[in-house]
Amino acid sequence: MRRFAAFGVATLALLACAVALTTGATLAAGAPTASTGDSSAVTDSQATVTGTVNPQGELTSYAFQYGTTTAYGQQTGLGSAGSGSADVPVRADLAGLTAGTTYHYRVIATNASGTTVGADKTFRTTGTAPSPPLAPSATTGGATVGDGTATLNGAVTPNGVATSYYFEFGTTANYGQQTPPRSAGSGSGAVSVSASLSGLAANTTYHYRLVAVGPNGAIAIGSDRTFVVVGSASTRLGLFGHTAFADQHGVAGVFVACFGSSGCRGSLTLSRSGTQLGVRSAYSLRQNDGGFVHLTLNDLGRRLLRQRGTMRVKAVVANALARGQTATKTVTLIRYSTHGLKG
């Protein structure tokens, strides 16, 4: 049993989680069960695959994953298994298959409580397998992650044949969701490709990979990669007080507060007239907490403070858990040691 937690993403075959439905007495809700059944009506280019899904009392969706290896790479459209508590027979008709070829397939079912995949099974299409087609190649690239969003990147080399691509993704390496297919052309060189996701669950690790599809069923599958969606922090930073202090070693303290439902973590910088006087690259505060965040002045900062005794500086504190969130305040930095600054 594996869980998927991505919402609001346009896909070819979205396995949507839904709120459990009840009628009369409350059903015993839970993740569905899924059992892969037999195949039938197998021809050179078509086959029917079957399975059994038990919704366990929650509105449940299902699909079949299939391909020439256990990496699958293709998925049927979404079907509904209802919201009952009994086994439901399900099936799908596969088309566009290659003659004389062994295919792997399995059923995958999901509801609000989780996702389950059935066992791998195979069938072989009739007829004589064609000569190996010209195949594209696919390389899964990195991901650019935002608050509930991600852009997946990769490269497709069509190798002279008309090629399309899509990304598979999900909260496990079983994926279960796909981006809409797009054309990578038919050139001979590598083409940079990407797809945007939205509505992703906060604080969740996602798996993804790039799939390139050429003619006659030629499929290239990139390696599995992961990204983490950082929580969309409902926090607010605050800088308080008009004064900051530095001791004889040049260690300065600025009072920072973190308000909201999650903690704050990031950096603190002091500067004057655009010139940096000191940086702390990492600090951490618990939610609804605050305190002095300290940093050590650089040589210039220590020299200026030693000469002046006090000076106005700009403090900028950033919260890496809420992308782009900063707080800025001009404070008076005071040398409070009677021994002055060393060095």
C-alpha atoms as a PDB file:
ATOM      1  CA  MET A   1       0.000   0.000   0.000  1.00  0.00           C
ATOM      2  CA  ARG A   2       1.431   3.289  -1.028  1.00  0.00           C
ATOM      3  CA  ARG A   3       0.074   6.779  -0.699  1.00  0.00           C
ATOM      4  CA  PHE A   4      -0.317   9.511  -3.245  1.00  0.00           C
ATOM      5  CA  ALA A   5      -0.839  13.145  -2.180  1.00  0.00           C
ATOM      6  CA  ALA A   6      -0.966  15.459  -5.183  1.00  0.00           C
ATOM      7  CA  PHE A   7      -4.051  17.553  -5.830  1.00  0.00           C
ATOM      8  CA  GLY A   8      -5.232  19.939  -8.523  1.00  0.00           C
ATOM      9  CA  VAL A   9      -2.806  18.816 -11.276  1.00  0.00           C
ATOM     10  CA  ALA A  10      -3.980  18.429 -14.880  1.00  0.00           C
ATOM     11  CA  THR A  11      -2.964  14.945 -16.041  1.00  0.00           C
ATOM     12  CA  LEU A  12      -3.852  12.411 -18.717  1.00  0.00           C
ATOM     13  CA  ALA A  13      -4.703   9.845 -16.102  1.00  0.00           C
ATOM     14  CA  LEU A  14      -5.151  11.507 -12.753  1.00  0.00           C
ATOM     15  CA  LEU A  15      -5.768   9.036  -9.954  1.00  0.00           C
ATOM     16  CA  ALA A  16      -7.833  11.457  -7.893  1.00  0.00           C
ATOM     17  CA  CYS A  17      -8.226  11.177  -4.129  1.00  0.00           C
ATOM     18  CA  ALA A  18     -11.830  11.886  -3.066  1.00  0.00           C
ATOM     19  CA  VAL A  19     -13.809  12.348   0.118  1.00  0.00           C
ATOM     20  CA  ALA A  20     -15.451   9.125   1.277  1.00  0.00           C
ATOM     21  CA  LEU A  21     -19.172   8.823   0.537  1.00  0.00           C
ATOM     22  CA  THR A  22     -21.589   7.187   2.939  1.00  0.00           C
ATOM     23  CA  THR A  23     -25.183   6.018   2.576  1.00  0.00           C
ATOM     24  CA  GLY A  24     -27.133   4.901   5.596  1.00  0.00           C
ATOM     25  CA  ALA A  25     -24.762   3.145   8.005  1.00  0.00           C
ATOM     26  CA  THR A  26     -21.166   4.318   7.953  1.00  0.00           C
ATOM     27  CA  LEU A  27     -18.857   2.060   5.928  1.00  0.00           C
ATOM     28  CA  ALA A  28     -15.526   0.866   7.299  1.00  0.00           C
ATOM     29  CA  ALA A  29     -13.282   3.202   5.317  1.00  0.00           C
ATOM     30  CA  GLY A  30      -9.734   2.394   4.320  1.00  0.00           C
ATOM     31  CA  ALA A  31      -7.263   2.161   1.465  1.00  0.00           C
ATOM     32  CA  PRO A  32      -8.561   0.048  -1.421  1.00  0.00           C
ATOM     33  CA  THR A  33      -7.416  -3.444  -2.302  1.00  0.00           C
ATOM     34  CA  ALA A  34      -6.375  -4.209  -5.876  1.00  0.00           C
ATOM     35  CA  SER A  35      -5.832  -7.559  -7.585  1.00  0.00           C
ATOM     36  CA  THR A  36      -4.585  -7.862 -11.166  1.00  0.00           C
ATOM     37  CA  GLY A  37      -6.657 -10.299 -13.235  1.00  0.00           C
ATOM     38  CA  ASP A  38      -6.203 -12.135 -16.510  1.00  0.00           C
ATOM     39  CA  SER A  39      -5.902 -10.785 -20.042  1.00  0.00           C
ATOM     40  CA  SER A  40      -8.129 -11.746 -22.952  1.00  0.00           C
ATOM     41  CA  ALA A  41      -9.009 -10.890 -26.551  1.00  0.00           C
ATOM     42  CA  VAL A  42      -5.319 -10.528 -27.372  1.00  0.00           C
ATOM     43  CA  THR A  43      -4.546  -9.682 -31.012  1.00  0.00           C
ATOM     44  CA  ASP A  44      -1.613  -8.176 -32.878  1.00  0.00           C
ATOM     45  CA  SER A  45      -2.412  -4.708 -31.548  1.00  0.00           C
ATOM     46  CA  GLN A  46      -5.085  -5.006 -28.849  1.00  0.00           C
ATOM     47  CA  ALA A  47      -5.800  -6.726 -25.546  1.00  0.00           C
ATOM     48  CA  THR A  48      -8.278  -6.592 -22.676  1.00  0.00           C
ATOM     49  CA  VAL A  49      -6.916  -6.640 -19.119  1.00  0.00           C
ATOM     50  CA  THR A  50      -8.937  -7.209 -15.973  1.00  0.00           C
ATOM     51  CA  GLY A  51      -8.688  -6.930 -12.242  1.00  0.00           C
ATOM     52  CA  THR A  52     -10.616  -6.606  -8.991  1.00  0.00           C
ATOM     53  CA  VAL A  53     -10.833  -3.528  -6.769  1.00  0.00           C
ATOM     54  CA  ASN A  54     -12.446  -3.250  -3.341  1.00  0.00           C
ATOM     55  CA  PRO A  55     -13.099   0.446  -2.470  1.00  0.00           C
ATOM     56  CA  GLN A  56     -13.254  -0.332   1.281  1.00  0.00           C
ATOM     57  CA  GLY A  57     -16.093   2.152   1.731  1.00  0.00           C
ATOM     58  CA  GLU A  58     -14.451   5.167   0.043  1.00  0.00           C
ATOM     59  CA  LEU A  59     -14.923   6.616  -3.435  1.00  0.00           C
ATOM     60  CA  THR A  60     -12.158   4.870  -5.388  1.00  0.00           C
ATOM     61  CA  SER A  61     -10.570   5.350  -8.800  1.00  0.00           C
ATOM     62  CA  TYR A  62      -8.529   2.819 -10.772  1.00  0.00           C
ATOM     63  CA  ALA A  63      -6.395   2.495 -13.900  1.00  0.00           C
ATOM     64  CA  PHE A  64      -4.087  -0.048 -15.510  1.00  0.00           C
ATOM     65  CA  GLN A  65      -0.370   0.560 -15.987  1.00  0.00           C
ATOM     66  CA  TYR A  66       1.263  -1.319 -18.861  1.00  0.00           C
ATOM     67  CA  GLY A  67       4.404  -1.481 -20.974  1.00  0.00           C
ATOM     68  CA  THR A  68       7.069  -3.807 -22.313  1.00  0.00           C
ATOM     69  CA  THR A  69       8.930  -3.899 -18.975  1.00  0.00           C
ATOM     70  CA  THR A  70       8.010  -3.699 -15.296  1.00  0.00           C
ATOM     71  CA  ALA A  71       8.744   0.016 -15.535  1.00  0.00           C
ATOM     72  CA  TYR A  72       5.431   0.127 -17.464  1.00  0.00           C
ATOM     73  CA  GLY A  73       5.492   3.742 -18.717  1.00  0.00           C
ATOM     74  CA  GLN A  74       1.900   3.822 -20.031  1.00  0.00           C
ATOM     75  CA  GLN A  75      -1.396   4.110 -18.204  1.00  0.00           C
ATOM     76  CA  THR A  76      -5.053   3.823 -19.173  1.00  0.00           C
ATOM     77  CA  GLY A  77      -7.687   6.443 -18.465  1.00  0.00           C
ATOM     78  CA  LEU A  78      -9.299   6.837 -15.079  1.00  0.00           C
ATOM     79  CA  GLY A  79     -12.212   4.609 -14.053  1.00  0.00           C
ATOM     80  CA  SER A  80     -14.443   4.595 -10.980  1.00  0.00           C
ATOM     81  CA  ALA A  81     -14.854   1.562  -8.733  1.00  0.00           C
ATOM     82  CA  GLY A  82     -17.520   3.287  -6.626  1.00  0.00           C
ATOM     83  CA  SER A  83     -17.510   3.546  -2.853  1.00  0.00           C
ATOM     84  CA  GLY A  84     -18.801   0.198  -1.674  1.00  0.00           C
ATOM     85  CA  SER A  85     -17.141  -2.415   0.481  1.00  0.00           C
ATOM     86  CA  ALA A  86     -17.327  -5.398  -1.914  1.00  0.00           C
ATOM     87  CA  ASP A  87     -14.975  -6.519  -4.683  1.00  0.00           C
ATOM     88  CA  VAL A  88     -15.659  -4.776  -7.996  1.00  0.00           C
ATOM     89  CA  PRO A  89     -14.490  -6.317 -11.302  1.00  0.00           C
ATOM     90  CA  VAL A  90     -12.665  -3.780 -13.480  1.00  0.00           C
ATOM     91  CA  ARG A  91     -11.233  -3.939 -16.988  1.00  0.00           C
ATOM     92  CA  ALA A  92      -9.587  -1.867 -19.690  1.00  0.00           C
ATOM     93  CA  ASP A  93      -9.114  -2.281 -23.411  1.00  0.00           C
ATOM     94  CA  LEU A  94      -5.556  -1.627 -24.619  1.00  0.00           C
ATOM     95  CA  ALA A  95      -4.913  -0.570 -28.209  1.00  0.00           C
ATOM     96  CA  GLY A  96      -1.954   0.467 -30.345  1.00  0.00           C
ATOM     97  CA  LEU A  97       0.133  -2.478 -29.143  1.00  0.00           C
ATOM     98  CA  THR A  98       3.046  -3.970 -31.066  1.00  0.00           C
ATOM     99  CA  ALA A  99       2.686  -7.443 -32.606  1.00  0.00           C
ATOM    100  CA  GLY A 100       4.704 -10.337 -31.200  1.00  0.00           C
ATOM    101  CA  THR A 101       5.588  -8.432 -28.039  1.00  0.00           C
ATOM    102  CA  THR A 102       5.344  -9.320 -24.350  1.00  0.00           C
ATOM    103  CA  TYR A 103       3.566  -6.689 -22.236  1.00  0.00           C
ATOM    104  CA  HIS A 104       3.540  -6.261 -18.468  1.00  0.00           C
ATOM    105  CA  TYR A 105       0.459  -4.829 -16.755  1.00  0.00           C
ATOM    106  CA  ARG A 106      -1.084  -4.266 -13.325  1.00  0.00           C
ATOM    107  CA  VAL A 107      -4.098  -2.518 -11.819  1.00  0.00           C
ATOM    108  CA  ILE A 108      -3.648   0.510  -9.533  1.00  0.00           C
ATOM    109  CA  ALA A 109      -6.407   1.857  -7.264  1.00  0.00           C
ATOM    110  CA  THR A 110      -6.582   4.929  -5.045  1.00  0.00           C
ATOM    111  CA  ASN A 111      -8.917   6.655  -2.608  1.00  0.00           C
ATOM    112  CA  ALA A 112      -8.607   9.224   0.159  1.00  0.00           C
ATOM    113  CA  SER A 113      -6.962   6.673   2.453  1.00  0.00           C
ATOM    114  CA  GLY A 114      -4.229   5.480   0.111  1.00  0.00           C
ATOM    115  CA  THR A 115      -3.119   3.808  -3.108  1.00  0.00           C
ATOM    116  CA  THR A 116      -2.629   0.106  -3.837  1.00  0.00           C
ATOM    117  CA  VAL A 117      -1.121  -1.665  -6.850  1.00  0.00           C
ATOM    118  CA  GLY A 118      -1.883  -5.208  -7.963  1.00  0.00           C
ATOM    119  CA  ALA A 119       0.676  -7.836  -8.896  1.00  0.00           C
ATOM    120  CA  ASP A 120       2.528  -7.715 -12.215  1.00  0.00           C
ATOM    121  CA  LYS A 121       1.175  -9.948 -14.990  1.00  0.00           C
ATOM    122  CA  THR A 122       2.031 -10.385 -18.660  1.00  0.00           C
ATOM    123  CA  PHE A 123       0.532 -11.232 -22.037  1.00  0.00           C
ATOM    124  CA  ARG A 124       2.054 -11.528 -25.509  1.00  0.00           C
ATOM    125  CA  THR A 125       0.436 -10.051 -28.585  1.00  0.00           C
ATOM    126  CA  THR A 126      -0.044 -12.272 -31.595  1.00  0.00           C
ATOM    127  CA  GLY A 127       1.777 -11.937 -34.891  1.00  0.00           C
ATOM    128  CA  THR A 128       5.397 -11.349 -35.707  1.00  0.00           C
ATOM    129  CA  ALA A 129       7.364  -8.661 -33.936  1.00  0.00           C
ATOM    130  CA  PRO A 130       8.542  -5.895 -36.280  1.00  0.00           C
ATOM    131  CA  SER A 131      12.132  -4.890 -36.661  1.00  0.00           C
ATOM    132  CA  PRO A 132      13.288  -2.856 -33.673  1.00  0.00           C
ATOM    133  CA  PRO A 133      12.016   0.692 -34.221  1.00  0.00           C
ATOM    134  CA  LEU A 134      14.173   3.742 -34.095  1.00  0.00           C
ATOM    135  CA  ALA A 135      13.916   4.743 -30.479  1.00  0.00           C
ATOM    136  CA  PRO A 136      14.217   8.139 -28.785  1.00  0.00           C
ATOM    137  CA  SER A 137      16.147   8.608 -25.566  1.00  0.00           C
ATOM    138  CA  ALA A 138      15.041  10.351 -22.358  1.00  0.00           C
ATOM    139  CA  THR A 139      17.060  11.877 -19.522  1.00  0.00           C
ATOM    140  CA  THR A 140      15.277  13.000 -16.363  1.00  0.00           C
ATOM    141  CA  GLY A 141      16.574  16.372 -15.188  1.00  0.00           C
ATOM    142  CA  GLY A 142      16.207  18.360 -11.996  1.00  0.00           C
ATOM    143  CA  ALA A 143      13.117  20.025 -10.572  1.00  0.00           C
ATOM    144  CA  THR A 144      12.496  23.642  -9.609  1.00  0.00           C
ATOM    145  CA  VAL A 145      10.226  23.664  -6.558  1.00  0.00           C
ATOM    146  CA  GLY A 146       7.990  26.430  -5.194  1.00  0.00           C
ATOM    147  CA  ASP A 147       5.178  26.623  -2.657  1.00  0.00           C
ATOM    148  CA  GLY A 148       2.937  23.764  -3.781  1.00  0.00           C
ATOM    149  CA  THR A 149       4.386  23.860  -7.306  1.00  0.00           C
ATOM    150  CA  ALA A 150       7.224  22.293  -9.245  1.00  0.00           C
ATOM    151  CA  THR A 151       8.686  22.472 -12.730  1.00  0.00           C
ATOM    152  CA  LEU A 152      10.107  19.161 -13.928  1.00  0.00           C
ATOM    153  CA  ASN A 153      12.935  19.265 -16.443  1.00  0.00           C
ATOM    154  CA  GLY A 154      14.659  16.815 -18.726  1.00  0.00           C
ATOM    155  CA  ALA A 155      16.036  16.185 -22.208  1.00  0.00           C
ATOM    156  CA  VAL A 156      14.646  14.119 -25.079  1.00  0.00           C
ATOM    157  CA  THR A 157      16.640  13.049 -28.133  1.00  0.00           C
ATOM    158  CA  PRO A 158      14.150  12.032 -30.886  1.00  0.00           C
ATOM    159  CA  ASN A 159      16.880  10.353 -32.987  1.00  0.00           C
ATOM    160  CA  GLY A 160      15.160  11.395 -36.186  1.00  0.00           C
ATOM    161  CA  VAL A 161      11.683  10.034 -35.387  1.00  0.00           C
ATOM    162  CA  ALA A 162       8.521  11.882 -34.345  1.00  0.00           C
ATOM    163  CA  THR A 163       8.596  11.817 -30.550  1.00  0.00           C
ATOM    164  CA  SER A 164       6.320  12.945 -27.744  1.00  0.00           C
ATOM    165  CA  TYR A 165       7.068  13.073 -24.032  1.00  0.00           C
ATOM    166  CA  TYR A 166       5.449  13.316 -20.622  1.00  0.00           C
ATOM    167  CA  PHE A 167       6.470  13.085 -16.978  1.00  0.00           C
ATOM    168  CA  GLU A 168       5.198  10.472 -14.542  1.00  0.00           C
ATOM    169  CA  PHE A 169       5.041  11.552 -10.903  1.00  0.00           C
ATOM    170  CA  GLY A 170       3.643  10.578  -7.526  1.00  0.00           C
ATOM    171  CA  THR A 171       4.549  10.176  -3.874  1.00  0.00           C
ATOM    172  CA  THR A 172       6.168   6.772  -4.516  1.00  0.00           C
ATOM    173  CA  ALA A 173       8.168   5.229  -7.353  1.00  0.00           C
ATOM    174  CA  ASN A 174       4.875   3.702  -8.582  1.00  0.00           C
ATOM    175  CA  TYR A 175       3.988   7.239  -9.780  1.00  0.00           C
ATOM    176  CA  GLY A 176       0.317   6.936 -10.847  1.00  0.00           C
ATOM    177  CA  GLN A 177      -0.003  10.399 -12.379  1.00  0.00           C
ATOM    178  CA  GLN A 178       1.147  11.883 -15.669  1.00  0.00           C
ATOM    179  CA  THR A 179       1.497  15.285 -17.248  1.00  0.00           C
ATOM    180  CA  PRO A 180      -0.162  15.884 -20.634  1.00  0.00           C
ATOM    181  CA  PRO A 181       1.961  14.654 -23.587  1.00  0.00           C
ATOM    182  CA  ARG A 182       3.834  17.195 -25.685  1.00  0.00           C
ATOM    183  CA  SER A 183       5.853  16.983 -28.874  1.00  0.00           C
ATOM    184  CA  ALA A 184       9.633  16.874 -28.812  1.00  0.00           C
ATOM    185  CA  GLY A 185       9.831  17.008 -32.617  1.00  0.00           C
ATOM    186  CA  SER A 186      11.764  14.618 -34.823  1.00  0.00           C
ATOM    187  CA  GLY A 187      15.258  16.053 -34.848  1.00  0.00           C
ATOM    188  CA  SER A 188      18.504  14.261 -34.154  1.00  0.00           C
ATOM    189  CA  GLY A 189      19.745  16.380 -31.242  1.00  0.00           C
ATOM    190  CA  ALA A 190      18.728  16.657 -27.597  1.00  0.00           C
ATOM    191  CA  VAL A 191      15.713  18.846 -26.825  1.00  0.00           C
ATOM    192  CA  SER A 192      15.191  20.436 -23.418  1.00  0.00           C
ATOM    193  CA  VAL A 193      11.694  19.689 -22.118  1.00  0.00           C
ATOM    194  CA  SER A 194       9.716  20.604 -19.005  1.00  0.00           C
ATOM    195  CA  ALA A 195       6.294  20.358 -17.364  1.00  0.00           C
ATOM    196  CA  SER A 196       4.697  22.365 -14.559  1.00  0.00           C
ATOM    197  CA  LEU A 197       2.861  20.873 -11.588  1.00  0.00           C
ATOM    198  CA  SER A 198       0.657  22.702  -9.102  1.00  0.00           C
ATOM    199  CA  GLY A 199      -1.487  21.871  -6.093  1.00  0.00           C
ATOM    200  CA  LEU A 200       1.228  19.685  -4.588  1.00  0.00           C
ATOM    201  CA  ALA A 201       1.092  18.671  -0.935  1.00  0.00           C
ATOM    202  CA  ALA A 202       3.355  20.567   1.449  1.00  0.00           C
ATOM    203  CA  ASN A 203       6.242  18.823   3.210  1.00  0.00           C
ATOM    204  CA  THR A 204       5.997  15.861   0.821  1.00  0.00           C
ATOM    205  CA  THR A 205       8.576  13.959  -1.239  1.00  0.00           C
ATOM    206  CA  TYR A 206       7.588  13.297  -4.861  1.00  0.00           C
ATOM    207  CA  HIS A 207       9.103  10.837  -7.344  1.00  0.00           C
ATOM    208  CA  TYR A 208       9.177  11.646 -11.061  1.00  0.00           C
ATOM    209  CA  ARG A 209      10.698  10.499 -14.334  1.00  0.00           C
ATOM    210  CA  LEU A 210      10.634  11.506 -17.999  1.00  0.00           C
ATOM    211  CA  VAL A 211       9.083   9.224 -20.635  1.00  0.00           C
ATOM    212  CA  ALA A 212       9.699   9.673 -24.383  1.00  0.00           C
ATOM    213  CA  VAL A 213       7.418   7.908 -26.887  1.00  0.00           C
ATOM    214  CA  GLY A 214       8.429   7.255 -30.488  1.00  0.00           C
ATOM    215  CA  PRO A 215       6.606   5.461 -33.312  1.00  0.00           C
ATOM    216  CA  ASN A 216       5.619   1.781 -33.210  1.00  0.00           C
ATOM    217  CA  GLY A 217       5.595   1.655 -29.435  1.00  0.00           C
ATOM    218  CA  ALA A 218       9.220   2.691 -28.953  1.00  0.00           C
ATOM    219  CA  ILE A 219       9.486   4.077 -25.405  1.00  0.00           C
ATOM    220  CA  ALA A 220      12.451   5.478 -23.528  1.00  0.00           C
ATOM    221  CA  ILE A 221      12.175   5.969 -19.758  1.00  0.00           C
ATOM    222  CA  GLY A 222      14.428   8.295 -17.790  1.00  0.00           C
ATOM    223  CA  SER A 223      15.721   7.540 -14.331  1.00  0.00           C
ATOM    224  CA  ASP A 224      13.689   8.092 -11.167  1.00  0.00           C
ATOM    225  CA  ARG A 225      14.365  11.337  -9.327  1.00  0.00           C
ATOM    226  CA  THR A 226      12.757  13.051  -6.352  1.00  0.00           C
ATOM    227  CA  PHE A 227      11.989  16.524  -5.055  1.00  0.00           C
ATOM    228  CA  VAL A 228      10.543  17.795  -1.785  1.00  0.00           C
ATOM    229  CA  VAL A 229       7.771  20.368  -1.565  1.00  0.00           C
ATOM    230  CA  VAL A 230       8.625  22.689   1.303  1.00  0.00           C
ATOM    231  CA  GLY A 231       5.702  23.703   3.456  1.00  0.00           C
ATOM    232  CA  SER A 232       3.938  26.852   2.415  1.00  0.00           C
ATOM    233  CA  ALA A 233       4.736  28.464   5.715  1.00  0.00           C
ATOM    234  CA  SER A 234       1.922  30.595   7.115  1.00  0.00           C
ATOM    235  CA  THR A 235       4.433  32.589   9.121  1.00  0.00           C
ATOM    236  CA  ARG A 236       5.407  36.192   9.572  1.00  0.00           C
ATOM    237  CA  LEU A 237       8.859  37.435  10.465  1.00  0.00           C
ATOM    238  CA  GLY A 238       9.356  40.421  12.745  1.00  0.00           C
ATOM    239  CA  LEU A 239      12.359  42.570  13.633  1.00  0.00           C
ATOM    240  CA  PHE A 240      11.905  44.364  16.953  1.00  0.00           C
ATOM    241  CA  GLY A 241      13.631  47.120  18.855  1.00  0.00           C
ATOM    242  CA  HIS A 242      15.540  50.124  17.574  1.00  0.00           C
ATOM    243  CA  THR A 243      18.848  48.996  19.002  1.00  0.00           C
ATOM    244  CA  ALA A 244      21.277  46.136  18.454  1.00  0.00           C
ATOM    245  CA  PHE A 245      24.408  45.495  20.484  1.00  0.00           C
ATOM    246  CA  ALA A 246      27.903  44.191  19.772  1.00  0.00           C
ATOM    247  CA  ASP A 247      30.385  42.874  22.331  1.00  0.00           C
ATOM    248  CA  GLN A 248      34.162  43.222  22.360  1.00  0.00           C
ATOM    249  CA  HIS A 249      34.498  40.327  19.907  1.00  0.00           C
ATOM    250  CA  GLY A 250      32.190  41.903  17.309  1.00  0.00           C
ATOM    251  CA  VAL A 251      29.276  39.562  18.026  1.00  0.00           C
ATOM    252  CA  ALA A 252      26.084  41.513  17.344  1.00  0.00           C
ATOM    253  CA  GLY A 253      22.531  40.519  18.275  1.00  0.00           C
ATOM    254  CA  VAL A 254      19.256  41.506  16.582  1.00  0.00           C
ATOM    255  CA  PHE A 255      15.878  40.546  18.053  1.00  0.00           C
ATOM    256  CA  VAL A 256      13.867  38.466  15.569  1.00  0.00           C
ATOM    257  CA  ALA A 257      10.384  37.005  16.078  1.00  0.00           C
ATOM    258  CA  CYS A 258       8.581  34.217  14.194  1.00  0.00           C
ATOM    259  CA  PHE A 259       4.775  34.230  14.227  1.00  0.00           C
ATOM    260  CA  GLY A 260       2.469  31.604  12.724  1.00  0.00           C
ATOM    261  CA  SER A 261       1.825  27.915  12.282  1.00  0.00           C
ATOM    262  CA  SER A 262       5.404  26.854  11.542  1.00  0.00           C
ATOM    263  CA  GLY A 263       8.948  27.785  12.477  1.00  0.00           C
ATOM    264  CA  CYS A 264      11.320  30.114  10.667  1.00  0.00           C
ATOM    265  CA  ARG A 265      14.756  29.256   9.332  1.00  0.00           C
ATOM    266  CA  GLY A 266      17.035  31.347   7.169  1.00  0.00           C
ATOM    267  CA  SER A 267      19.731  34.030   7.203  1.00  0.00           C
ATOM    268  CA  LEU A 268      20.501  37.417   8.786  1.00  0.00           C
ATOM    269  CA  THR A 269      22.543  40.192   7.155  1.00  0.00           C
ATOM    270  CA  LEU A 270      23.749  43.549   8.470  1.00  0.00           C
ATOM    271  CA  SER A 271      24.844  46.247   6.023  1.00  0.00           C
ATOM    272  CA  ARG A 272      25.527  49.971   5.795  1.00  0.00           C
ATOM    273  CA  SER A 273      25.162  52.066   2.633  1.00  0.00           C
ATOM    274  CA  GLY A 274      24.942  48.861   0.603  1.00  0.00           C
ATOM    275  CA  THR A 275      28.148  47.392   2.079  1.00  0.00           C
ATOM    276  CA  GLN A 276      27.882  44.150   3.978  1.00  0.00           C
ATOM    277  CA  LEU A 277      29.068  44.257   7.599  1.00  0.00           C
ATOM    278  CA  GLY A 278      28.216  40.723   8.681  1.00  0.00           C
ATOM    279  CA  VAL A 279      26.207  37.636   7.699  1.00  0.00           C
ATOM    280  CA  ARG A 280      24.755  34.688   9.550  1.00  0.00           C
ATOM    281  CA  SER A 281      23.923  32.080   6.938  1.00  0.00           C
ATOM    282  CA  ALA A 282      21.596  29.975   9.097  1.00  0.00           C
ATOM    283  CA  TYR A 283      19.380  30.580  12.115  1.00  0.00           C
ATOM    284  CA  SER A 284      16.327  28.727  13.421  1.00  0.00           C
ATOM    285  CA  LEU A 285      13.332  29.859  15.468  1.00  0.00           C
ATOM    286  CA  ARG A 286      10.347  27.869  16.640  1.00  0.00           C
ATOM    287  CA  GLN A 287       6.832  28.970  15.710  1.00  0.00           C
ATOM    288  CA  ASN A 288       5.461  31.823  17.793  1.00  0.00           C
ATOM    289  CA  ASP A 289       8.845  32.379  19.355  1.00  0.00           C
ATOM    290  CA  GLY A 290      11.615  34.941  19.194  1.00  0.00           C
ATOM    291  CA  GLY A 291      14.999  35.907  20.483  1.00  0.00           C
ATOM    292  CA  PHE A 292      18.332  37.496  19.623  1.00  0.00           C
ATOM    293  CA  VAL A 293      19.829  36.150  16.417  1.00  0.00           C
ATOM    294  CA  HIS A 294      23.583  36.714  16.626  1.00  0.00           C
ATOM    295  CA  LEU A 295      26.201  37.195  13.957  1.00  0.00           C
ATOM    296  CA  THR A 296      29.879  38.161  13.978  1.00  0.00           C
ATOM    297  CA  LEU A 297      30.758  41.429  12.265  1.00  0.00           C
ATOM    298  CA  ASN A 298      33.318  41.232   9.504  1.00  0.00           C
ATOM    299  CA  ASP A 299      36.568  43.249   9.659  1.00  0.00           C
ATOM    300  CA  LEU A 300      34.943  46.324   8.142  1.00  0.00           C
ATOM    301  CA  GLY A 301      32.000  46.163  10.529  1.00  0.00           C
ATOM    302  CA  ARG A 302      34.245  45.834  13.550  1.00  0.00           C
ATOM    303  CA  ARG A 303      36.501  48.665  12.411  1.00  0.00           C
ATOM    304  CA  LEU A 304      33.606  51.062  11.773  1.00  0.00           C
ATOM    305  CA  LEU A 305      31.961  50.278  15.081  1.00  0.00           C
ATOM    306  CA  ARG A 306      35.263  50.684  16.916  1.00  0.00           C
ATOM    307  CA  GLN A 307      35.720  54.092  15.321  1.00  0.00           C
ATOM    308  CA  ARG A 308      32.169  55.310  15.765  1.00  0.00           C
ATOM    309  CA  GLY A 309      30.930  53.612  18.910  1.00  0.00           C
ATOM    310  CA  THR A 310      27.430  53.538  17.406  1.00  0.00           C
ATOM    311  CA  MET A 311      26.142  53.435  13.843  1.00  0.00           C
ATOM    312  CA  ARG A 312      22.947  52.923  11.900  1.00  0.00           C
ATOM    313  CA  VAL A 313      22.791  49.617  10.013  1.00  0.00           C
ATOM    314  CA  LYS A 314      20.207  47.798   7.923  1.00  0.00           C
ATOM    315  CA  ALA A 315      19.190  44.362   9.212  1.00  0.00           C
ATOM    316  CA  VAL A 316      17.609  41.920   6.752  1.00  0.00           C
ATOM    317  CA  VAL A 317      16.302  38.570   7.994  1.00  0.00           C
ATOM    318  CA  ALA A 318      15.035  35.933   5.540  1.00  0.00           C
ATOM    319  CA  ASN A 319      12.816  32.902   6.129  1.00  0.00           C
ATOM    320  CA  ALA A 320      13.803  30.030   3.823  1.00  0.00           C
ATOM    321  CA  LEU A 321      10.682  28.065   4.829  1.00  0.00           C
ATOM    322  CA  ALA A 322       8.496  30.708   3.182  1.00  0.00           C
ATOM    323  CA  ARG A 323      10.116  31.448  -0.135  1.00  0.00           C
ATOM    324  CA  GLY A 324      10.841  35.123  -0.665  1.00  0.00           C
ATOM    325  CA  GLN A 325       9.775  36.163   2.835  1.00  0.00           C
ATOM    326  CA  THR A 326      12.046  38.776   4.409  1.00  0.00           C
ATOM    327  CA  ALA A 327      11.870  41.439   7.095  1.00  0.00           C
ATOM    328  CA  THR A 328      13.989  44.604   6.975  1.00  0.00           C
ATOM    329  CA  LYS A 329      14.633  47.215   9.643  1.00  0.00           C
ATOM    330  CA  THR A 330      17.181  49.965  10.274  1.00  0.00           C
ATOM    331  CA  VAL A 331      18.606  49.716  13.785  1.00  0.00           C
ATOM    332  CA  THR A 332      21.299  51.472  15.794  1.00  0.00           C
ATOM    333  CA  LEU A 333      24.227  49.187  16.489  1.00  0.00           C
ATOM    334  CA  ILE A 334      25.886  50.035  19.805  1.00  0.00           C
ATOM    335  CA  ARG A 335      29.218  48.884  21.145  1.00  0.00           C
ATOM    336  CA  TYR A 336      28.388  48.062  24.762  1.00  0.00           C
ATOM    337  CA  SER A 337      31.687  46.622  26.038  1.00  0.00           C
ATOM    338  CA  THR A 338      33.799  48.921  28.203  1.00  0.00           C
ATOM    339  CA  HIS A 339      36.873  47.250  26.669  1.00  0.00           C
ATOM    340  CA  GLY A 340      36.022  48.207  23.121  1.00  0.00           C
ATOM    341  CA  LEU A 341      36.283  45.932  20.109  1.00  0.00           C
ATOM    342  CA  LYS A 342      39.291  43.692  19.818  1.00  0.00           C
ATOM    343  CA  GLY A 343      41.412  43.528  16.703  1.00  0.00           C
END
